[in-house]
Amino acid sequence: MTLSDYGRSIIRTVVPLVVGSIVGWFATRGVEIDASTIIPLVDAAIAGLYYAAIRAAEQRWPNAGLMLGARGAPSYVAPPVAPEAPSSPDGV
């Protein structure tokens, strides 16, 4: 299965948020958690949802990308690979 740039960007944004939520859930199973611990998890979840919603809107309305700071989705292109130097006959 090949992922588009859009799909990959959503996954790379949401997975850390899900992991944080799971850690938070486990922490509630016997470990006291105060508001100063939960607030960052809620912030991360809201930020992830905002990002996903704007990226989805950007597919239909390109100017919606301005709500993320710039128009146009990122493009993930691998950098060119430098050619290998020829080896010397003595192997050094």
Protein backbone atom coordinates (compact mmCIF):
# COMPACT_ATOMS: atom_id res chain seq x y z
CA MET A 1 0.00 0.00 0.00
CA THR A 2 1.36 3.40 -0.96
CA LEU A 3 0.47 6.39 1.18
CA SER A 4 0.02 9.83 -0.25
CA ASP A 5 1.88 12.75 1.29
CA TYR A 6 -1.38 13.82 2.89
CA GLY A 7 -2.04 10.44 4.47
CA ARG A 8 1.52 10.12 5.71
CA SER A 9 1.45 13.61 7.23
CA ILE A 10 -1.77 12.83 9.11
CA ILE A 11 -0.38 9.54 10.41
CA ARG A 12 2.87 11.18 11.51
CA THR A 13 0.88 13.81 13.38
CA VAL A 14 -1.75 11.59 14.97
CA VAL A 15 0.37 8.59 16.07
CA PRO A 16 2.37 10.53 18.69
CA LEU A 17 -0.88 12.03 19.95
CA VAL A 18 -2.46 8.58 20.27
CA VAL A 19 0.60 7.26 22.09
CA GLY A 20 0.40 10.20 24.49
CA SER A 21 -3.27 9.50 25.09
CA ILE A 22 -2.60 5.82 25.77
CA VAL A 23 0.15 6.72 28.23
CA GLY A 24 -2.27 9.13 29.88
CA TRP A 25 -4.92 6.44 30.08
CA PHE A 26 -2.52 3.99 31.72
CA ALA A 27 -1.40 6.69 34.10
CA THR A 28 -4.99 7.01 35.33
CA ARG A 29 -4.95 3.36 36.34
CA GLY A 30 -3.35 3.81 39.74
CA VAL A 31 -1.16 6.88 39.32
CA GLU A 32 -2.46 10.26 40.40
CA ILE A 33 -2.53 12.75 37.58
CA ASP A 34 -3.17 16.41 38.20
CA ALA A 35 -4.45 19.01 35.75
CA SER A 36 -0.92 20.09 34.84
CA THR A 37 -0.35 16.62 33.39
CA ILE A 38 -3.66 16.30 31.54
CA ILE A 39 -3.68 19.77 29.97
CA PRO A 40 -0.75 19.05 27.60
CA LEU A 41 -2.48 15.84 26.42
CA VAL A 42 -5.69 17.73 25.70
CA ASP A 43 -3.70 20.46 23.94
CA ALA A 44 -1.95 17.88 21.76
CA ALA A 45 -5.25 16.21 20.86
CA ILE A 46 -6.85 19.53 19.90
CA ALA A 47 -3.79 20.52 17.84
CA GLY A 48 -3.87 17.20 16.00
CA LEU A 49 -7.55 17.50 15.20
CA TYR A 50 -7.07 21.09 14.02
CA TYR A 51 -4.19 20.05 11.75
CA ALA A 52 -6.15 17.13 10.28
CA ALA A 53 -9.23 19.30 9.67
CA ILE A 54 -7.26 22.05 7.93
CA ARG A 55 -5.32 19.55 5.80
CA ALA A 56 -8.65 17.98 4.75
CA ALA A 57 -10.14 21.39 3.95
CA GLU A 58 -6.99 22.28 1.99
CA GLN A 59 -7.72 19.42 -0.42
CA ARG A 60 -10.87 21.25 -1.51
CA TRP A 61 -9.94 24.86 -0.79
CA PRO A 62 -6.17 25.41 -1.24
CA ASN A 63 -6.28 28.76 0.58
CA ALA A 64 -7.31 26.92 3.77
CA GLY A 65 -3.62 26.06 4.11
CA LEU A 66 -3.08 29.64 5.23
CA MET A 67 -4.63 28.57 8.54
CA LEU A 68 -1.50 26.42 9.01
CA GLY A 69 0.80 29.32 8.16
CA ALA A 70 1.36 28.72 4.44
CA ARG A 71 -0.54 27.50 1.39
CA GLY A 72 0.44 24.19 -0.14
CA ALA A 73 0.92 20.81 1.43
CA PRO A 74 4.45 19.66 2.18
CA SER A 75 6.18 17.40 -0.28
CA TYR A 76 8.34 14.64 1.08
CA VAL A 77 11.08 14.04 -1.47
CA ALA A 78 14.14 11.96 -0.68
CA PRO A 79 17.40 13.88 -1.08
CA PRO A 80 19.59 12.78 -3.98
CA VAL A 81 22.18 10.16 -3.14
CA ALA A 82 25.78 11.22 -3.69
CA PRO A 83 27.64 9.02 -6.18
CA GLU A 84 30.19 6.67 -4.68
CA ALA A 85 33.82 7.50 -5.20
CA PRO A 86 35.66 4.94 -7.33
CA SER A 87 37.83 2.63 -5.27
CA SER A 88 41.55 2.42 -5.89
CA PRO A 89 43.05 -0.78 -7.29
CA ASP A 90 44.80 -1.60 -4.01
CA GLY A 91 41.50 -1.37 -2.09
CA VAL A 92 42.44 1.66 0.02
